Amino acid sequence: MKRLFGLCLLLAGCAGAPPAPVPEPDLSPEKNWRLRQIQLDAVQSWRLSARMIVSDNDENAWQLDVNWRQQAERYDIHISGPLGMGKVHLQGGEDGVFLYDSEGAAYYAQEPEHLLLEHTGVFMPVTSLYYWVRGLPDPGIDAVQIPQLDAWGRLTHLRQNGWSVDMKRYVQVDNLQLPDKLFIHNQQNIEVRMVMDKWEIKTDTGK
């Protein structure tokens, strides 16, 4: 079943890849990357819809729809999945996070990862995804190895906190290139495959 889910997501995410951007002619990938980091750090508010597959070492797999709204340090993440998970809503920020289940019950924790795992059985690194979905390393975690860049200075691979992160493809969003296919996995064989359907970005924190 996990292979079937993965095949469906991969097929759905293969069409319509945009052309790669033209690199700055006098800049190396490393210099382009430094410029990109400044631009991407400014993107702190966005709306993102995506399809996701999360699988674990016990051969469980969940096919999920994710709608993520980020407003500076505050986030609202709506996740819907198959029977047994239903719909959940994560709402939080630096002061902690609430999870609201499909029956309206509310649960609180400091971090979203274990809260989500406890109430849905799904584990994914939500805190680091805040950075990875933009094509950035998580600055709160030391990188295990030097990030790998493509010729345009876009991040294509890094390892952080036991996670291997691959930005498989980028898409043009306004004047930026942002990941629209992201594969991550860790040493416990938890795997997250994410294909973005729609990006909307802001460079300020206004509503």
Foldseek 3Di string as FASTA:
>chain_A
DLVVVVVVVVVVQPPDADDDDDADPVDFLQVLLVVQVVVLVLFQWKWFWKWKWKAFPVRDIWTKIWIWTGQRFWIWIWIATDPQQGIWIWTDGQQWIWIQGPVGDIDTDRAVQVVCCVRRVGGDRVVQCSAVQQQHGDPVWDWPDDFDADRRNGTAWTDTPQKTKGQPGWDDDPNDTTGQWIWMAGPRGIIMTMGIDDMGTDSHNDD
